[in-house]
């Protein structure tokens, strides 16, 4: 059973982009996958708590994926320079 709840706050796209960018920028180097930051941000935008937690998990996966790719690339580059 799917329950749809309407989001009450009308916030423009620009604050969402800024909060999303800052969340990813801070979360990726710290390795916290964004959940600690995204749930309060989504609650601020008016999302229900269960939707905020589920969305945060999906966002965390994307942040972790790109962070892992970045760290793999940096580590791989360091190994190649020092082993040749």
PDB file of N, CA and C in Angstrom:
ATOM      1  N   UNK A   1       0.840  -1.169   0.000  1.00  0.00           N
ATOM      2  CA  UNK A   1       0.000   0.000   0.000  1.00  0.00           C
ATOM      3  C   UNK A   1       0.886   1.233   0.000  1.00  0.00           C
ATOM      4  N   UNK A   2       0.688   2.094  -0.959  1.00  0.00           N
ATOM      5  CA  UNK A   2       1.483   3.311  -1.068  1.00  0.00           C
ATOM      6  C   UNK A   2       0.672   4.479  -0.526  1.00  0.00           C
ATOM      7  N   UNK A   3       1.281   5.198   0.387  1.00  0.00           N
ATOM      8  CA  UNK A   3       0.640   6.373   0.958  1.00  0.00           C
ATOM      9  C   UNK A   3       1.359   7.596   0.422  1.00  0.00           C
ATOM     10  N   UNK A   4       0.633   8.462  -0.234  1.00  0.00           N
ATOM     11  CA  UNK A   4       1.227   9.678  -0.770  1.00  0.00           C
ATOM     12  C   UNK A   4       0.868  10.844   0.134  1.00  0.00           C
ATOM     13  N   UNK A   5       1.892  11.546   0.573  1.00  0.00           N
ATOM     14  CA  UNK A   5       1.679  12.736   1.384  1.00  0.00           C
ATOM     15  C   UNK A   5       2.236  13.923   0.635  1.00  0.00           C
ATOM     16  N   UNK A   6       1.497  15.004   0.639  1.00  0.00           N
ATOM     17  CA  UNK A   6       1.951  16.190  -0.067  1.00  0.00           C
ATOM     18  C   UNK A   6       2.948  16.954   0.785  1.00  0.00           C
ATOM     19  N   UNK A   7       3.952  17.483   0.124  1.00  0.00           N
ATOM     20  CA  UNK A   7       4.947  18.302   0.789  1.00  0.00           C
ATOM     21  C   UNK A   7       4.377  19.708   0.907  1.00  0.00           C
ATOM     22  N   UNK A   8       4.386  20.233   2.114  1.00  0.00           N
ATOM     23  CA  UNK A   8       3.718  21.498   2.374  1.00  0.00           C
ATOM     24  C   UNK A   8       4.549  22.718   1.994  1.00  0.00           C
ATOM     25  N   UNK A   9       5.854  22.663   2.197  1.00  0.00           N
ATOM     26  CA  UNK A   9       6.687  23.833   1.942  1.00  0.00           C
ATOM     27  C   UNK A   9       6.969  23.978   0.457  1.00  0.00           C
ATOM     28  N   UNK A  10       6.919  25.199  -0.008  1.00  0.00           N
ATOM     29  CA  UNK A  10       7.269  25.509  -1.393  1.00  0.00           C
ATOM     30  C   UNK A  10       8.615  26.231  -1.366  1.00  0.00           C
ATOM     31  N   UNK A  11       9.670  25.484  -1.632  1.00  0.00           N
ATOM     32  CA  UNK A  11      11.014  26.051  -1.632  1.00  0.00           C
ATOM     33  C   UNK A  11      11.552  25.945  -3.047  1.00  0.00           C
ATOM     34  N   UNK A  12      12.177  27.026  -3.505  1.00  0.00           N
ATOM     35  CA  UNK A  12      12.667  27.051  -4.879  1.00  0.00           C
ATOM     36  C   UNK A  12      13.809  26.058  -5.079  1.00  0.00           C
ATOM     37  N   UNK A  13      14.215  25.930  -6.307  1.00  0.00           N
ATOM     38  CA  UNK A  13      15.230  24.952  -6.679  1.00  0.00           C
ATOM     39  C   UNK A  13      16.615  25.347  -6.158  1.00  0.00           C
ATOM     40  N   UNK A  14      16.907  26.635  -6.113  1.00  0.00           N
ATOM     41  CA  UNK A  14      18.254  27.074  -5.738  1.00  0.00           C
ATOM     42  C   UNK A  14      18.674  26.660  -4.328  1.00  0.00           C
ATOM     43  N   UNK A  15      17.841  26.823  -3.300  1.00  0.00           N
ATOM     44  CA  UNK A  15      18.267  26.327  -1.987  1.00  0.00           C
ATOM     45  C   UNK A  15      18.445  24.813  -1.958  1.00  0.00           C
ATOM     46  N   UNK A  16      17.658  24.092  -2.717  1.00  0.00           N
ATOM     47  CA  UNK A  16      17.806  22.636  -2.770  1.00  0.00           C
ATOM     48  C   UNK A  16      19.137  22.247  -3.400  1.00  0.00           C
ATOM     49  N   UNK A  17      19.516  22.953  -4.453  1.00  0.00           N
ATOM     50  CA  UNK A  17      20.801  22.680  -5.099  1.00  0.00           C
ATOM     51  C   UNK A  17      21.948  23.019  -4.162  1.00  0.00           C
ATOM     52  N   UNK A  18      21.852  24.144  -3.481  1.00  0.00           N
ATOM     53  CA  UNK A  18      22.918  24.565  -2.556  1.00  0.00           C
ATOM     54  C   UNK A  18      23.053  23.572  -1.409  1.00  0.00           C
ATOM     55  N   UNK A  19      21.922  23.191  -0.785  1.00  0.00           N
ATOM     56  CA  UNK A  19      21.979  22.223   0.311  1.00  0.00           C
ATOM     57  C   UNK A  19      22.504  20.870  -0.170  1.00  0.00           C
ATOM     58  N   UNK A  20      22.094  20.443  -1.342  1.00  0.00           N
ATOM     59  CA  UNK A  20      22.573  19.173  -1.883  1.00  0.00           C
ATOM     60  C   UNK A  20      24.064  19.188  -2.167  1.00  0.00           C
ATOM     61  N   UNK A  21      24.539  20.286  -2.742  1.00  0.00           N
ATOM     62  CA  UNK A  21      25.968  20.415  -3.025  1.00  0.00           C
ATOM     63  C   UNK A  21      26.780  20.425  -1.738  1.00  0.00           C
ATOM     64  N   UNK A  22      26.339  21.199  -0.750  1.00  0.00           N
ATOM     65  CA  UNK A  22      27.063  21.262   0.523  1.00  0.00           C
ATOM     66  C   UNK A  22      27.038  19.915   1.245  1.00  0.00           C
ATOM     67  N   UNK A  23      25.915  19.242   1.182  1.00  0.00           N
ATOM     68  CA  UNK A  23      25.818  17.931   1.817  1.00  0.00           C
ATOM     69  C   UNK A  23      26.797  16.948   1.193  1.00  0.00           C
ATOM     70  N   UNK A  24      26.856  16.902  -0.115  1.00  0.00           N
ATOM     71  CA  UNK A  24      27.788  16.009  -0.794  1.00  0.00           C
ATOM     72  C   UNK A  24      29.232  16.402  -0.576  1.00  0.00           C
ATOM     73  N   UNK A  25      29.494  17.712  -0.579  1.00  0.00           N
ATOM     74  CA  UNK A  25      30.858  18.207  -0.400  1.00  0.00           C
ATOM     75  C   UNK A  25      31.398  17.872   0.985  1.00  0.00           C
ATOM     76  N   UNK A  26      30.557  17.953   1.981  1.00  0.00           N
ATOM     77  CA  UNK A  26      30.991  17.662   3.354  1.00  0.00           C
ATOM     78  C   UNK A  26      30.967  16.154   3.628  1.00  0.00           C
ATOM     79  N   UNK A  27      29.982  15.454   3.092  1.00  0.00           N
ATOM     80  CA  UNK A  27      29.802  14.034   3.399  1.00  0.00           C
ATOM     81  C   UNK A  27      30.856  13.134   2.782  1.00  0.00           C
ATOM     82  N   UNK A  28      31.212  13.369   1.535  1.00  0.00           N
ATOM     83  CA  UNK A  28      32.121  12.460   0.831  1.00  0.00           C
ATOM     84  C   UNK A  28      33.491  12.353   1.493  1.00  0.00           C
ATOM     85  N   UNK A  29      34.172  13.455   1.805  1.00  0.00           N
ATOM     86  CA  UNK A  29      35.488  13.303   2.444  1.00  0.00           C
ATOM     87  C   UNK A  29      35.410  12.713   3.851  1.00  0.00           C
ATOM     88  N   UNK A  30      34.307  12.959   4.553  1.00  0.00           N
ATOM     89  CA  UNK A  30      34.175  12.454   5.914  1.00  0.00           C
ATOM     90  C   UNK A  30      33.731  10.997   5.932  1.00  0.00           C
ATOM     91  N   UNK A  31      33.155  10.508   4.841  1.00  0.00           N
ATOM     92  CA  UNK A  31      32.712   9.120   4.766  1.00  0.00           C
ATOM     93  C   UNK A  31      31.454   8.832   5.552  1.00  0.00           C
ATOM     94  N   UNK A  32      30.602   9.825   5.754  1.00  0.00           N
ATOM     95  CA  UNK A  32      29.391   9.607   6.536  1.00  0.00           C
ATOM     96  C   UNK A  32      28.178   9.310   5.661  1.00  0.00           C
ATOM     97  N   UNK A  33      28.359   9.172   4.384  1.00  0.00           N
ATOM     98  CA  UNK A  33      27.346   8.830   3.377  1.00  0.00           C
ATOM     99  C   UNK A  33      26.152   9.771   3.342  1.00  0.00           C
ATOM    100  N   UNK A  34      26.236  10.887   3.945  1.00  0.00           N
ATOM    101  CA  UNK A  34      25.204  11.900   3.796  1.00  0.00           C
ATOM    102  C   UNK A  34      23.981  11.731   4.656  1.00  0.00           C
ATOM    103  N   UNK A  35      23.774  10.582   5.268  1.00  0.00           N
ATOM    104  CA  UNK A  35      22.545  10.351   6.028  1.00  0.00           C
ATOM    105  C   UNK A  35      22.421  11.306   7.208  1.00  0.00           C
ATOM    106  N   UNK A  36      23.532  11.590   7.843  1.00  0.00           N
ATOM    107  CA  UNK A  36      23.489  12.497   8.993  1.00  0.00           C
ATOM    108  C   UNK A  36      23.091  13.904   8.583  1.00  0.00           C
ATOM    109  N   UNK A  37      23.358  14.271   7.362  1.00  0.00           N
ATOM    110  CA  UNK A  37      23.043  15.615   6.902  1.00  0.00           C
ATOM    111  C   UNK A  37      21.753  15.671   6.097  1.00  0.00           C
ATOM    112  N   UNK A  38      21.464  14.640   5.334  1.00  0.00           N
ATOM    113  CA  UNK A  38      20.326  14.696   4.429  1.00  0.00           C
ATOM    114  C   UNK A  38      18.974  14.534   5.113  1.00  0.00           C
ATOM    115  N   UNK A  39      18.890  13.747   6.155  1.00  0.00           N
ATOM    116  CA  UNK A  39      17.601  13.586   6.840  1.00  0.00           C
ATOM    117  C   UNK A  39      17.119  14.914   7.433  1.00  0.00           C
ATOM    118  N   UNK A  40      17.954  15.654   8.166  1.00  0.00           N
ATOM    119  CA  UNK A  40      17.473  16.950   8.651  1.00  0.00           C
ATOM    120  C   UNK A  40      17.160  17.943   7.537  1.00  0.00           C
ATOM    121  N   UNK A  41      17.931  17.894   6.452  1.00  0.00           N
ATOM    122  CA  UNK A  41      17.659  18.798   5.330  1.00  0.00           C
ATOM    123  C   UNK A  41      16.322  18.451   4.685  1.00  0.00           C
ATOM    124  N   UNK A  42      16.072  17.168   4.464  1.00  0.00           N
ATOM    125  CA  UNK A  42      14.798  16.769   3.874  1.00  0.00           C
ATOM    126  C   UNK A  42      13.625  17.061   4.808  1.00  0.00           C
ATOM    127  N   UNK A  43      13.823  16.896   6.103  1.00  0.00           N
ATOM    128  CA  UNK A  43      12.769  17.256   7.061  1.00  0.00           C
ATOM    129  C   UNK A  43      12.496  18.755   7.022  1.00  0.00           C
ATOM    130  N   UNK A  44      13.551  19.551   6.840  1.00  0.00           N
ATOM    131  CA  UNK A  44      13.392  21.007   6.716  1.00  0.00           C
ATOM    132  C   UNK A  44      12.550  21.359   5.494  1.00  0.00           C
ATOM    133  N   UNK A  45      12.713  20.616   4.422  1.00  0.00           N
ATOM    134  CA  UNK A  45      11.944  20.857   3.206  1.00  0.00           C
ATOM    135  C   UNK A  45      10.523  20.313   3.298  1.00  0.00           C
ATOM    136  N   UNK A  46      10.183  19.639   4.392  1.00  0.00           N
ATOM    137  CA  UNK A  46       8.815  19.207   4.618  1.00  0.00           C
ATOM    138  C   UNK A  46       8.508  17.765   4.279  1.00  0.00           C
ATOM    139  N   UNK A  47       9.515  16.959   4.024  1.00  0.00           N
ATOM    140  CA  UNK A  47       9.282  15.554   3.719  1.00  0.00           C
ATOM    141  C   UNK A  47       8.937  14.788   4.999  1.00  0.00           C
ATOM    142  N   UNK A  48       8.054  13.776   4.913  1.00  0.00           N
ATOM    143  CA  UNK A  48       7.790  12.920   6.078  1.00  0.00           C
ATOM    144  C   UNK A  48       9.059  12.152   6.451  1.00  0.00           C
ATOM    145  N   UNK A  49       9.170  11.761   7.709  1.00  0.00           N
ATOM    146  CA  UNK A  49      10.399  11.155   8.216  1.00  0.00           C
ATOM    147  C   UNK A  49      10.729   9.850   7.493  1.00  0.00           C
ATOM    148  N   UNK A  50       9.721   9.010   7.189  1.00  0.00           N
ATOM    149  CA  UNK A  50      10.029   7.745   6.507  1.00  0.00           C
ATOM    150  C   UNK A  50      10.523   7.982   5.084  1.00  0.00           C
ATOM    151  N   UNK A  51       9.991   8.971   4.404  1.00  0.00           N
ATOM    152  CA  UNK A  51      10.467   9.314   3.071  1.00  0.00           C
ATOM    153  C   UNK A  51      11.854   9.963   3.138  1.00  0.00           C
ATOM    154  N   UNK A  52      12.102  10.763   4.161  1.00  0.00           N
ATOM    155  CA  UNK A  52      13.417  11.391   4.328  1.00  0.00           C
ATOM    156  C   UNK A  52      14.498  10.344   4.580  1.00  0.00           C
ATOM    157  N   UNK A  53      14.200   9.347   5.394  1.00  0.00           N
ATOM    158  CA  UNK A  53      15.185   8.296   5.689  1.00  0.00           C
ATOM    159  C   UNK A  53      15.442   7.436   4.447  1.00  0.00           C
ATOM    160  N   UNK A  54      14.400   7.060   3.735  1.00  0.00           N
ATOM    161  CA  UNK A  54      14.570   6.262   2.523  1.00  0.00           C
ATOM    162  C   UNK A  54      15.323   7.017   1.438  1.00  0.00           C
ATOM    163  N   UNK A  55      14.972   8.275   1.249  1.00  0.00           N
ATOM    164  CA  UNK A  55      15.672   9.086   0.250  1.00  0.00           C
ATOM    165  C   UNK A  55      17.113   9.310   0.647  1.00  0.00           C
ATOM    166  N   UNK A  56      17.356   9.482   1.931  1.00  0.00           N
ATOM    167  CA  UNK A  56      18.716   9.680   2.414  1.00  0.00           C
ATOM    168  C   UNK A  56      19.574   8.446   2.165  1.00  0.00           C
ATOM    169  N   UNK A  57      18.987   7.268   2.299  1.00  0.00           N
ATOM    170  CA  UNK A  57      19.742   6.044   2.019  1.00  0.00           C
ATOM    171  C   UNK A  57      20.126   5.967   0.548  1.00  0.00           C
ATOM    172  N   UNK A  58      19.205   6.343  -0.327  1.00  0.00           N
ATOM    173  CA  UNK A  58      19.512   6.341  -1.757  1.00  0.00           C
ATOM    174  C   UNK A  58      20.553   7.402  -2.090  1.00  0.00           C
ATOM    175  N   UNK A  59      20.427   8.580  -1.501  1.00  0.00           N
ATOM    176  CA  UNK A  59      21.407   9.643  -1.715  1.00  0.00           C
ATOM    177  C   UNK A  59      22.766   9.215  -1.183  1.00  0.00           C
ATOM    178  N   UNK A  60      22.767   8.557  -0.025  1.00  0.00           N
ATOM    179  CA  UNK A  60      24.019   8.081   0.564  1.00  0.00           C
ATOM    180  C   UNK A  60      24.735   7.094  -0.327  1.00  0.00           C
ATOM    181  N   UNK A  61      23.975   6.247  -1.002  1.00  0.00           N
ATOM    182  CA  UNK A  61      24.588   5.295  -1.928  1.00  0.00           C
ATOM    183  C   UNK A  61      25.287   6.029  -3.067  1.00  0.00           C
ATOM    184  N   UNK A  62      24.645   7.047  -3.618  1.00  0.00           N
ATOM    185  CA  UNK A  62      25.239   7.803  -4.719  1.00  0.00           C
ATOM    186  C   UNK A  62      26.497   8.537  -4.255  1.00  0.00           C
ATOM    187  N   UNK A  63      26.443   9.162  -3.074  1.00  0.00           N
ATOM    188  CA  UNK A  63      27.611   9.865  -2.528  1.00  0.00           C
ATOM    189  C   UNK A  63      28.754   8.877  -2.301  1.00  0.00           C
ATOM    190  N   UNK A  64      28.444   7.719  -1.727  1.00  0.00           N
ATOM    191  CA  UNK A  64      29.478   6.712  -1.467  1.00  0.00           C
ATOM    192  C   UNK A  64      30.063   6.170  -2.767  1.00  0.00           C
ATOM    193  N   UNK A  65      29.229   6.006  -3.774  1.00  0.00           N
ATOM    194  CA  UNK A  65      29.706   5.499  -5.055  1.00  0.00           C
ATOM    195  C   UNK A  65      30.729   6.453  -5.677  1.00  0.00           C
ATOM    196  N   UNK A  66      30.381   7.724  -5.759  1.00  0.00           N
ATOM    197  CA  UNK A  66      31.302   8.684  -6.356  1.00  0.00           C
ATOM    198  C   UNK A  66      32.525   8.917  -5.480  1.00  0.00           C
ATOM    199  N   UNK A  67      32.363   8.884  -4.170  1.00  0.00           N
ATOM    200  CA  UNK A  67      33.511   8.991  -3.280  1.00  0.00           C
ATOM    201  C   UNK A  67      34.463   7.823  -3.440  1.00  0.00           C
ATOM    202  N   UNK A  68      33.918   6.629  -3.574  1.00  0.00           N
ATOM    203  CA  UNK A  68      34.753   5.436  -3.768  1.00  0.00           C
ATOM    204  C   UNK A  68      35.495   5.487  -5.092  1.00  0.00           C
ATOM    205  N   UNK A  69      34.814   5.925  -6.128  1.00  0.00           N
ATOM    206  CA  UNK A  69      35.469   6.056  -7.433  1.00  0.00           C
ATOM    207  C   UNK A  69      36.607   7.066  -7.355  1.00  0.00           C
ATOM    208  N   UNK A  70      36.359   8.183  -6.683  1.00  0.00           N
ATOM    209  CA  UNK A  70      37.399   9.199  -6.532  1.00  0.00           C
ATOM    210  C   UNK A  70      38.587   8.696  -5.738  1.00  0.00           C
ATOM    211  N   UNK A  71      38.340   8.022  -4.633  1.00  0.00           N
ATOM    212  CA  UNK A  71      39.429   7.504  -3.811  1.00  0.00           C
ATOM    213  C   UNK A  71      40.178   6.375  -4.528  1.00  0.00           C
ATOM    214  N   UNK A  72      39.467   5.548  -5.287  1.00  0.00           N
ATOM    215  CA  UNK A  72      40.125   4.500  -6.073  1.00  0.00           C
ATOM    216  C   UNK A  72      41.041   5.123  -7.116  1.00  0.00           C
ATOM    217  N   UNK A  73      40.562   6.165  -7.774  1.00  0.00           N
ATOM    218  CA  UNK A  73      41.360   6.826  -8.801  1.00  0.00           C
ATOM    219  C   UNK A  73      42.612   7.441  -8.193  1.00  0.00           C
ATOM    220  N   UNK A  74      42.477   8.109  -7.062  1.00  0.00           N
ATOM    221  CA  UNK A  74      43.634   8.730  -6.412  1.00  0.00           C
ATOM    222  C   UNK A  74      44.620   7.660  -5.962  1.00  0.00           C
ATOM    223  N   UNK A  75      44.137   6.612  -5.338  1.00  0.00           N
ATOM    224  CA  UNK A  75      45.011   5.535  -4.853  1.00  0.00           C
ATOM    225  C   UNK A  75      45.686   4.818  -6.012  1.00  0.00           C
ATOM    226  N   UNK A  76      44.944   4.559  -7.063  1.00  0.00           N
ATOM    227  CA  UNK A  76      45.498   3.882  -8.223  1.00  0.00           C
ATOM    228  C   UNK A  76      46.584   4.744  -8.873  1.00  0.00           C
ATOM    229  N   UNK A  77      46.368   6.039  -8.930  1.00  0.00           N
ATOM    230  CA  UNK A  77      47.350   6.953  -9.512  1.00  0.00           C
ATOM    231  C   UNK A  77      48.621   6.984  -8.673  1.00  0.00           C
ATOM    232  N   UNK A  78      48.496   6.970  -7.356  1.00  0.00           N
ATOM    233  CA  UNK A  78      49.668   6.989  -6.468  1.00  0.00           C
ATOM    234  C   UNK A  78      50.459   5.691  -6.637  1.00  0.00           C
ATOM    235  N   UNK A  79      49.784   4.545  -6.690  1.00  0.00           N
ATOM    236  CA  UNK A  79      50.468   3.268  -6.854  1.00  0.00           C
ATOM    237  C   UNK A  79      51.214   3.201  -8.190  1.00  0.00           C
ATOM    238  N   UNK A  80      50.607   3.706  -9.238  1.00  0.00           N
ATOM    239  CA  UNK A  80      51.235   3.650 -10.552  1.00  0.00           C
ATOM    240  C   UNK A  80      52.495   4.522 -10.604  1.00  0.00           C
ATOM    241  N   UNK A  81      52.475   5.663  -9.953  1.00  0.00           N
ATOM    242  CA  UNK A  81      53.621   6.563  -9.997  1.00  0.00           C
ATOM    243  C   UNK A  81      54.795   5.997  -9.210  1.00  0.00           C
ATOM    244  N   UNK A  82      54.515   5.330  -8.098  1.00  0.00           N
ATOM    245  CA  UNK A  82      55.589   4.872  -7.236  1.00  0.00           C
ATOM    246  C   UNK A  82      56.080   3.443  -7.534  1.00  0.00           C
ATOM    247  N   UNK A  83      55.350   2.685  -8.320  1.00  0.00           N
ATOM    248  CA  UNK A  83      55.785   1.331  -8.618  1.00  0.00           C
ATOM    249  C   UNK A  83      56.508   1.224  -9.956  1.00  0.00           C
ATOM    250  N   UNK A  84      56.481   2.266 -10.752  1.00  0.00           N
ATOM    251  CA  UNK A  84      57.142   2.196 -12.069  1.00  0.00           C
ATOM    252  C   UNK A  84      58.619   2.433 -11.953  1.00  0.00           C
TER     253      UNK A  84
END
